[in-house]
Protein backbone atom coordinates (compact mmCIF):
# COMPACT_ATOMS: atom_id res chain seq x y z
CA THR A 1 -101.12 -62.25 157.88
CA ASP A 2 -100.50 -62.42 154.12
CA GLU A 3 -103.12 -63.82 151.69
CA ASP A 4 -100.32 -65.05 149.44
CA ASN A 5 -98.97 -67.11 152.30
CA LYS A 6 -95.61 -65.44 151.90
CA ASN A 7 -93.11 -65.21 154.70
CA LEU A 8 -93.37 -61.78 156.26
CA ASN A 9 -90.52 -59.61 157.45
CA PHE A 10 -91.12 -57.61 160.61
CA GLU A 11 -89.52 -54.40 161.80
CA LEU A 12 -89.83 -52.46 165.02
CA VAL A 13 -90.75 -48.98 163.79
CA SER A 14 -91.04 -47.25 167.17
CA GLY A 15 -91.35 -48.04 170.84
CA PRO A 16 -89.66 -47.51 174.19
CA GLU A 17 -85.96 -48.28 174.56
CA TRP A 18 -86.60 -51.38 176.63
CA ILE A 19 -88.60 -53.04 173.82
CA SER A 20 -86.82 -55.08 171.12
CA LEU A 21 -87.70 -57.41 168.25
CA ASN A 22 -86.02 -60.80 168.62
CA ASP A 23 -85.61 -63.49 165.96
CA ASP A 24 -87.33 -61.04 163.58
CA ARG A 25 -90.72 -61.91 165.04
CA PHE A 26 -90.88 -61.74 168.84
CA ILE A 27 -91.41 -58.53 170.79
CA SER A 28 -89.72 -58.68 174.18
CA GLY A 29 -88.52 -56.42 176.96
CA ILE A 30 -88.08 -56.02 180.70
CA PRO A 31 -89.56 -52.78 182.02
CA SER A 32 -88.28 -51.13 185.18
CA ASN A 33 -90.10 -49.04 187.74
CA ASP A 34 -89.57 -45.96 185.54
CA GLN A 35 -91.56 -47.56 182.74
CA VAL A 36 -94.78 -48.10 184.70
CA GLY A 37 -97.72 -46.88 182.59
CA MET A 38 -98.91 -47.00 178.98
CA HIS A 39 -96.52 -47.44 176.03
CA THR A 40 -97.12 -47.53 172.29
CA VAL A 41 -95.22 -49.89 169.99
CA ILE A 42 -95.47 -49.81 166.16
CA VAL A 43 -94.44 -52.89 164.19
CA SER A 44 -94.34 -53.07 160.37
CA ALA A 45 -94.82 -56.21 158.27
CA SER A 46 -93.61 -56.59 154.68
CA ASP A 47 -93.68 -59.35 152.05
CA ASN A 48 -91.00 -57.51 150.05
CA PHE A 49 -93.42 -56.88 147.20
CA ASN A 50 -96.11 -54.61 148.56
CA PRO A 51 -95.75 -51.57 150.79
CA PRO A 52 -95.26 -52.51 154.46
CA VAL A 53 -98.22 -52.42 156.82
CA ASN A 54 -97.92 -50.89 160.28
CA GLN A 55 -99.63 -52.21 163.37
CA LYS A 56 -99.86 -50.17 166.60
CA ILE A 57 -99.72 -52.08 169.88
CA THR A 58 -100.40 -50.65 173.36
CA ILE A 59 -98.52 -52.13 176.32
CA ASN A 60 -99.60 -51.32 179.86
CA VAL A 61 -96.81 -51.85 182.41
CA LEU A 62 -98.32 -52.44 185.85
CA ASN A 63 -96.55 -51.37 189.01
CA ILE A 64 -95.45 -53.95 191.57
CA ASN A 65 -94.51 -52.98 195.11
CA ASP A 66 -90.81 -52.27 195.55
CA LYS A 67 -88.92 -52.46 198.81
CA PRO A 68 -87.79 -49.11 200.28
CA GLU A 69 -84.10 -48.29 199.93
CA VAL A 70 -81.46 -46.45 201.95
CA SER A 71 -80.60 -43.33 199.96
CA ASN A 72 -78.30 -41.44 202.37
CA ASP A 73 -76.46 -42.19 205.58
CA LEU A 74 -78.36 -41.23 208.71
CA ILE A 75 -75.87 -39.13 210.68
CA LEU A 76 -76.86 -37.18 213.78
CA PRO A 77 -74.51 -34.43 215.00
CA ASN A 78 -72.65 -34.75 218.28
CA ILE A 79 -74.43 -32.77 220.99
CA GLU A 80 -73.80 -31.75 224.57
CA GLN A 81 -75.83 -33.01 227.49
CA ASP A 82 -78.93 -31.06 228.55
CA VAL A 83 -79.69 -30.21 224.90
CA THR A 84 -83.03 -30.74 223.18
CA PHE A 85 -83.30 -30.65 219.41
CA GLU A 86 -85.15 -32.19 216.45
CA TYR A 87 -83.42 -33.91 213.53
CA THR A 88 -85.52 -33.39 210.39
CA LEU A 89 -83.46 -35.12 207.68
CA THR A 90 -84.52 -38.74 208.31
CA SER A 91 -86.88 -38.81 205.31
CA ARG A 92 -83.94 -37.97 203.03
CA SER A 93 -82.14 -41.11 204.17
CA PHE A 94 -84.80 -43.43 202.69
CA PHE A 95 -86.49 -43.70 199.29
CA ASP A 96 -89.25 -45.80 197.77
CA LYS A 97 -89.47 -46.07 193.96
CA ASP A 98 -93.22 -46.56 194.22
CA THR A 99 -93.69 -42.94 195.28
CA LEU A 100 -92.77 -41.95 191.71
CA VAL A 101 -95.68 -43.86 190.18
CA ASN A 102 -98.14 -44.38 193.04
CA PRO A 103 -99.48 -41.22 194.72
CA ASN A 104 -100.84 -43.34 197.60
CA GLU A 105 -97.47 -44.82 198.55
CA LYS A 106 -95.99 -43.51 201.78
CA LEU A 107 -93.25 -44.50 204.20
CA THR A 108 -93.68 -44.66 207.96
CA TYR A 109 -90.83 -44.73 210.46
CA ASP A 110 -89.91 -46.55 213.67
CA LEU A 111 -86.89 -46.14 215.93
CA LEU A 112 -85.35 -48.75 218.20
CA VAL A 113 -82.58 -47.92 220.67
CA THR A 114 -80.31 -50.95 220.80
CA ASN A 115 -78.53 -49.97 224.02
CA VAL A 116 -80.06 -51.99 226.84
CA SER A 117 -80.24 -49.08 229.30
CA ASP A 118 -83.74 -47.71 229.87
CA GLU A 119 -82.20 -44.26 230.34
CA LYS A 120 -80.74 -44.47 226.82
CA ARG A 121 -84.12 -45.41 225.37
CA LYS A 122 -85.70 -42.26 226.79
CA ILE A 123 -83.56 -39.73 224.93
CA LEU A 124 -84.67 -40.62 221.37
CA SER A 125 -88.11 -40.73 219.78
CA ILE A 126 -89.38 -40.52 216.20
CA ASP A 127 -92.45 -39.12 214.47
CA LYS A 128 -93.97 -42.11 212.68
CA ASN A 129 -95.21 -40.06 209.72
CA THR A 130 -92.45 -37.50 209.14
CA GLY A 131 -89.45 -39.42 210.44
CA ASN A 132 -88.33 -36.44 212.51
CA ILE A 133 -86.17 -37.61 215.42
CA SER A 134 -86.55 -35.81 218.75
CA VAL A 135 -83.53 -35.80 221.06
CA LYS A 136 -83.62 -34.84 224.74
CA THR A 137 -80.40 -35.39 226.70
CA ASP A 138 -79.22 -35.11 230.28
CA TYR A 139 -76.21 -36.32 232.26
CA LYS A 140 -77.48 -39.91 232.13
CA SER A 141 -77.31 -39.92 228.33
CA VAL A 142 -73.60 -39.00 228.11
CA GLY A 143 -71.78 -41.34 225.74
CA GLN A 144 -72.84 -43.25 222.66
CA THR A 145 -76.41 -44.35 222.02
CA ASP A 146 -76.89 -46.88 219.21
CA PHE A 147 -80.20 -47.02 217.40
CA VAL A 148 -81.92 -48.37 214.28
CA VAL A 149 -84.46 -46.56 212.11
CA ARG A 150 -86.89 -48.65 210.06
CA ALA A 151 -88.75 -47.25 207.03
CA THR A 152 -91.85 -49.27 206.06
CA ASP A 153 -94.08 -48.94 202.99
CA LYS A 154 -97.85 -49.44 202.88
CA GLU A 155 -97.56 -53.15 202.08
CA GLY A 156 -95.18 -53.86 204.93
CA LEU A 157 -91.86 -54.03 203.08
CA TYR A 158 -89.13 -52.24 205.01
CA VAL A 159 -85.46 -51.35 205.16
CA GLU A 160 -83.40 -50.51 208.24
CA GLN A 161 -80.44 -48.25 208.86
CA SER A 162 -78.23 -48.18 211.95
CA SER A 163 -76.86 -44.97 213.42
CA GLN A 164 -75.65 -43.50 216.68
CA LEU A 165 -75.90 -40.40 218.83
CA ASP A 166 -72.88 -39.18 220.75
CA VAL A 167 -73.67 -37.02 223.78
CA ILE A 168 -70.76 -34.96 225.11
CA ASN A 169 -70.37 -34.47 228.84
CA ILE A 170 -70.33 -30.95 230.27
CA ASN A 171 -69.14 -30.17 233.78
CA ASP A 172 -71.90 -30.24 236.40
CA SER A 173 -71.70 -28.57 239.80
CA PRO A 174 -71.37 -30.87 242.81
CA PHE A 175 -74.45 -31.20 244.99
CA THR A 176 -75.33 -32.31 248.50
CA THR A 177 -76.89 -35.67 249.19
CA SER A 178 -79.63 -36.58 251.63
CA LEU A 179 -76.94 -37.84 254.04
CA ILE A 180 -75.59 -34.40 254.86
CA PRO A 181 -76.38 -33.22 258.41
CA ASN A 182 -79.00 -30.49 258.68
CA PHE A 183 -81.22 -28.75 261.21
CA ASP A 184 -83.53 -31.74 261.54
CA SER A 185 -80.69 -34.25 261.62
CA PRO A 186 -77.62 -32.51 263.12
CA ILE A 187 -74.31 -33.98 264.20
CA THR A 188 -74.50 -34.70 267.91
CA ILE A 189 -71.33 -35.10 269.99
CA SER A 190 -70.40 -34.89 273.65
CA LEU A 191 -67.75 -32.66 275.11
CA GLU A 192 -64.21 -33.99 274.56
CA ASP A 193 -65.49 -36.76 272.24
CA ASN A 194 -63.32 -37.81 269.34
CA PHE A 195 -65.29 -38.34 266.16
CA THR A 196 -64.76 -39.03 262.46
CA TYR A 197 -67.17 -38.38 259.62
CA ASP A 198 -66.66 -39.27 255.98
CA VAL A 199 -67.80 -36.08 254.26
CA GLN A 200 -67.58 -37.77 250.88
CA ASP A 201 -70.98 -39.32 251.56
CA TRP A 202 -72.47 -35.85 251.92
CA PHE A 203 -71.66 -34.73 248.36
CA ASN A 204 -71.91 -36.09 244.87
CA ASP A 205 -71.18 -35.01 241.29
CA TYR A 206 -72.94 -36.23 238.15
CA ASP A 207 -69.63 -36.13 236.29
CA ILE A 208 -68.20 -38.91 238.45
CA GLY A 209 -68.70 -42.09 236.46
CA TYR A 210 -68.76 -40.24 233.12
CA ASP A 211 -65.49 -38.32 233.30
CA PRO A 212 -62.59 -40.50 234.51
CA GLU A 213 -60.62 -37.42 235.55
CA GLU A 214 -63.40 -36.00 237.73
CA ASN A 215 -62.97 -36.07 241.51
CA LEU A 216 -64.10 -33.96 244.46
CA THR A 217 -61.85 -32.16 246.91
CA PHE A 218 -63.06 -30.94 250.26
CA LYS A 219 -62.31 -27.92 252.46
CA ILE A 220 -63.62 -27.04 255.93
CA TRP A 221 -64.24 -23.54 257.16
CA GLU A 222 -66.15 -22.18 260.12
CA ASP A 223 -69.50 -20.62 259.46
CA ASP A 224 -69.75 -17.38 261.45
């Protein structure tokens, strides 16, 4: 105020970059997450006759909860079947601005396999606190598995990122099935009988159904 009732001229002497003086009298600004905390603003007033007078103002910018963000693509390497490994870079794929200003903020993680096969769901799991993804594959997991990782903050805001795991087939040895004749269940024939057996039912190969070029060939020899 001015006792002489003169019009005063105001000037912004110092303050953060996001503060400005509008219409020569209004202090305004829009702080971002980086500006959370205490700020000092100094404004001077002058009647153009006497020395200007400075007034210090303290502005406290309060934090509001921000939604987590995707910071990097979540890309798992291609792996072969029968491999177990742990992917530890999930936490680098998400970021929450609130962690810069709130020491209590923390993200938790969930993983959803979007393939409908129960066998596909078994090969991926995630540590809720660290985001580390555990992968355990076998012949049933050959091919592409689609999944979504969700990062959630303490107030329930979340962001999701889709990714995939490609499991490469490796050649498996053929194996006998329960239909193959054995000591307890032998082939029984009478002298001079003609008989036919489909030996294909006696053997199987995990690669059939995953590798279109896989097939079994058969050979008979006499066991001495």
